[in-house]
Amino acid sequence: MEQQTLVWQNAIVMLKARGYDGNIQSVCMPPYTALVAMDNTRDRKILMVMDNNDKVGIHTIRYIISELNNDIHYGVLIIRSKITPFARQAIDTYNHSEDRGHIEVFTFSNLHINICKHKYTPEHYILTQEETEDVLKKYEASRQVFPKLSAEDPLTRYYGLTSGQVVKFVRKYGYDRRVVYRVVV
């Protein structure tokens, strides 16, 4: 299977894992491969764009930002390898401006495999706010005492988790199962 096709399929699986499995539609954005997906609750949309060029510049980023509108606040850009400093700066500026959404950048190598299916990735569950509160009450603790999970961790990026969210990991040791909770920082 061609690398580009495999990456695109894994990216769609990633969107579905994030809850964007409601309505997925291809979008005509030549020369890019693109789609718009809606989440289960129908109140969030995401634009996913794949740029097959070796280097992504400021013009590509400006074009993607222009495609983001009142309905679509989130973007995922999949690039082959490099992004110019000016393009990176434009994304950072967009991400830090108020009233705007967020653009995430993944390389082909980030999405070449589905990390959730890797044999060394333990079972994991993203806790809801209510489940998090239950865990905090159960252990009579605050988020600060739990082990940390970096916002740059591949699993965290895959799910689009934000600071403060809690992930439950279940590790199997023979017949023994151990549960560990980690907080995204």
Protein backbone atom coordinates (compact mmCIF):
# COMPACT_ATOMS: atom_id res chain seq x y z
CA MET A 1 0.00 0.00 0.00
CA GLU A 2 1.32 3.43 -0.89
CA GLN A 3 2.63 5.43 2.08
CA GLN A 4 0.36 8.40 1.39
CA THR A 5 -2.75 6.19 1.36
CA LEU A 6 -1.73 4.45 4.58
CA VAL A 7 -1.08 7.77 6.33
CA TRP A 8 -4.45 9.14 5.15
CA GLN A 9 -6.29 6.04 6.41
CA ASN A 10 -4.55 6.24 9.80
CA ALA A 11 -5.41 9.95 10.00
CA ILE A 12 -9.10 9.16 9.43
CA VAL A 13 -8.92 6.51 12.17
CA MET A 14 -7.34 9.17 14.42
CA LEU A 15 -10.23 11.56 13.74
CA LYS A 16 -12.73 8.83 14.56
CA ALA A 17 -10.86 8.09 17.81
CA ARG A 18 -11.24 11.78 18.68
CA GLY A 19 -14.99 11.54 18.20
CA TYR A 20 -15.21 12.94 14.67
CA ASP A 21 -17.13 10.04 13.20
CA GLY A 22 -20.42 11.73 12.53
CA ASN A 23 -20.15 13.00 8.97
CA ILE A 24 -16.91 12.83 6.96
CA GLN A 25 -16.86 14.58 3.58
CA SER A 26 -14.11 15.08 1.03
CA VAL A 27 -13.37 18.70 0.19
CA CYS A 28 -12.02 20.03 -3.08
CA MET A 29 -8.85 21.96 -2.21
CA PRO A 30 -6.40 21.35 -5.09
CA PRO A 31 -3.52 20.53 -4.88
CA TYR A 32 -4.21 19.15 -1.38
CA THR A 33 -6.10 16.11 -0.19
CA ALA A 34 -8.68 17.33 2.32
CA LEU A 35 -11.79 16.44 4.27
CA VAL A 36 -14.15 17.96 6.80
CA ALA A 37 -15.44 15.82 9.67
CA MET A 38 -18.15 16.48 12.22
CA ASP A 39 -18.11 15.12 15.77
CA ASN A 40 -20.82 12.95 17.33
CA THR A 41 -22.54 15.89 19.03
CA ARG A 42 -22.67 17.84 15.76
CA ASP A 43 -21.24 21.00 17.31
CA ARG A 44 -17.58 20.69 16.26
CA LYS A 45 -16.03 20.38 12.82
CA ILE A 46 -12.44 19.73 11.85
CA LEU A 47 -10.59 20.28 8.58
CA MET A 48 -7.87 17.76 7.76
CA VAL A 49 -5.44 18.60 4.96
CA MET A 50 -2.56 16.56 3.55
CA ASP A 51 0.23 18.39 1.74
CA ASN A 52 2.34 15.97 -0.28
CA ASN A 53 5.19 18.44 -0.94
CA ASP A 54 8.59 17.94 0.67
CA LYS A 55 8.49 21.36 2.31
CA VAL A 56 5.44 23.32 3.49
CA GLY A 57 5.61 27.10 3.28
CA ILE A 58 3.68 30.13 4.44
CA HIS A 59 1.39 30.13 1.39
CA THR A 60 0.02 26.70 2.29
CA ILE A 61 -0.65 27.78 5.88
CA ARG A 62 -2.37 31.01 4.81
CA TYR A 63 -4.55 29.03 2.43
CA ILE A 64 -5.56 26.58 5.17
CA ILE A 65 -6.25 29.40 7.64
CA SER A 66 -8.44 31.07 5.01
CA GLU A 67 -10.44 27.84 4.71
CA LEU A 68 -11.09 27.76 8.45
CA ASN A 69 -14.24 29.74 9.16
CA ASN A 70 -17.03 30.21 11.69
CA ASP A 71 -18.14 26.59 11.34
CA ILE A 72 -14.68 25.00 11.33
CA HIS A 73 -12.29 25.99 14.10
CA TYR A 74 -9.89 23.07 14.18
CA GLY A 75 -7.40 21.96 11.56
CA VAL A 76 -5.04 19.04 11.16
CA LEU A 77 -2.23 19.46 8.65
CA ILE A 78 -0.35 16.35 7.56
CA ILE A 79 3.01 17.06 5.95
CA ARG A 80 5.63 14.85 4.33
CA SER A 81 8.62 16.13 6.28
CA LYS A 82 9.44 19.82 6.81
CA ILE A 83 7.71 23.09 7.52
CA THR A 84 9.40 26.47 7.08
CA PRO A 85 9.98 28.72 10.10
CA PHE A 86 7.58 31.34 8.71
CA ALA A 87 4.88 28.70 8.26
CA ARG A 88 5.45 27.46 11.83
CA GLN A 89 5.23 31.04 13.10
CA ALA A 90 1.94 31.58 11.24
CA ILE A 91 0.49 28.45 12.87
CA ASP A 92 1.69 29.54 16.32
CA THR A 93 0.20 33.00 15.81
CA TYR A 94 -3.11 31.48 14.71
CA ASN A 95 -3.15 29.04 17.65
CA HIS A 96 -2.49 31.78 20.21
CA SER A 97 -4.99 34.31 18.88
CA GLU A 98 -8.30 34.66 20.69
CA ASP A 99 -11.60 33.67 19.07
CA ARG A 100 -9.79 31.21 16.86
CA GLY A 101 -9.39 27.50 16.80
CA HIS A 102 -6.30 25.40 16.64
CA ILE A 103 -4.13 23.84 13.92
CA GLU A 104 -2.11 20.71 14.64
CA VAL A 105 0.74 19.48 12.46
CA PHE A 106 1.58 15.82 11.96
CA THR A 107 4.26 14.37 9.72
CA PHE A 108 3.87 11.24 7.63
CA SER A 109 6.11 9.44 10.11
CA ASN A 110 3.73 10.38 12.97
CA LEU A 111 0.83 8.68 11.21
CA HIS A 112 2.62 5.89 9.35
CA ILE A 113 1.40 3.45 12.01
CA ASN A 114 -1.56 3.58 14.34
CA ILE A 115 0.17 3.90 17.71
CA CYS A 116 -2.95 2.76 19.57
CA LYS A 117 -2.63 -0.67 17.95
CA HIS A 118 1.08 -1.08 18.74
CA LYS A 119 1.86 -4.12 20.89
CA TYR A 120 3.70 -2.05 23.52
CA THR A 121 0.94 0.54 23.93
CA PRO A 122 -1.08 -0.43 27.01
CA GLU A 123 -4.86 -0.37 27.14
CA HIS A 124 -5.90 3.22 27.71
CA TYR A 125 -9.11 5.15 28.29
CA ILE A 126 -9.61 8.89 28.21
CA LEU A 127 -11.70 9.76 31.26
CA THR A 128 -14.66 12.09 31.08
CA GLN A 129 -14.90 15.00 33.50
CA GLU A 130 -17.27 12.99 35.74
CA GLU A 131 -14.98 9.94 35.73
CA THR A 132 -12.01 12.17 36.58
CA GLU A 133 -13.87 13.67 39.53
CA ASP A 134 -14.75 10.15 40.75
CA VAL A 135 -11.09 9.07 40.59
CA LEU A 136 -9.97 12.21 42.44
CA LYS A 137 -12.55 11.55 45.17
CA LYS A 138 -11.68 7.85 45.36
CA TYR A 139 -7.99 8.57 45.99
CA GLU A 140 -8.66 11.80 47.90
CA ALA A 141 -6.08 13.56 45.76
CA SER A 142 -5.67 16.41 43.32
CA ARG A 143 -4.44 16.24 39.75
CA GLN A 144 -0.98 17.40 40.84
CA VAL A 145 -0.14 14.13 42.64
CA PHE A 146 -0.80 11.85 39.66
CA PRO A 147 2.00 10.94 37.25
CA LYS A 148 2.32 13.33 34.33
CA LEU A 149 1.77 12.70 30.62
CA SER A 150 3.40 15.23 28.32
CA ALA A 151 1.26 17.16 25.86
CA GLU A 152 3.92 16.21 23.28
CA ASP A 153 3.51 12.48 23.92
CA PRO A 154 2.46 10.70 20.71
CA LEU A 155 -0.64 9.23 22.39
CA THR A 156 -1.65 12.65 23.73
CA ARG A 157 -1.24 14.23 20.31
CA TYR A 158 -3.10 11.36 18.63
CA TYR A 159 -6.20 12.00 20.72
CA GLY A 160 -5.81 15.78 20.79
CA LEU A 161 -5.80 15.83 24.59
CA THR A 162 -5.38 19.08 26.46
CA SER A 163 -3.78 19.99 29.76
CA GLY A 164 -5.65 18.63 32.78
CA GLN A 165 -7.28 15.66 31.07
CA VAL A 166 -6.77 12.27 32.73
CA VAL A 167 -5.91 9.00 30.98
CA LYS A 168 -6.36 5.59 32.59
CA PHE A 169 -3.72 3.02 31.60
CA VAL A 170 -4.21 -0.69 32.25
CA ARG A 171 -0.96 -2.64 32.18
CA LYS A 172 -0.98 -6.43 32.11
CA TYR A 173 1.74 -8.43 33.86
CA GLY A 174 0.90 -12.09 33.30
CA TYR A 175 -2.41 -12.55 35.11
CA ASP A 176 -2.02 -9.31 37.04
CA ARG A 177 -3.55 -6.03 35.87
CA ARG A 178 -2.38 -2.68 37.18
CA VAL A 179 -4.19 0.59 36.68
CA VAL A 180 -2.29 3.86 36.45
CA TYR A 181 -3.82 7.30 35.98
CA ARG A 182 -1.84 10.04 34.25
CA VAL A 183 -2.62 13.72 33.87
CA VAL A 184 -1.79 15.62 30.69
CA VAL A 185 0.46 18.61 31.34
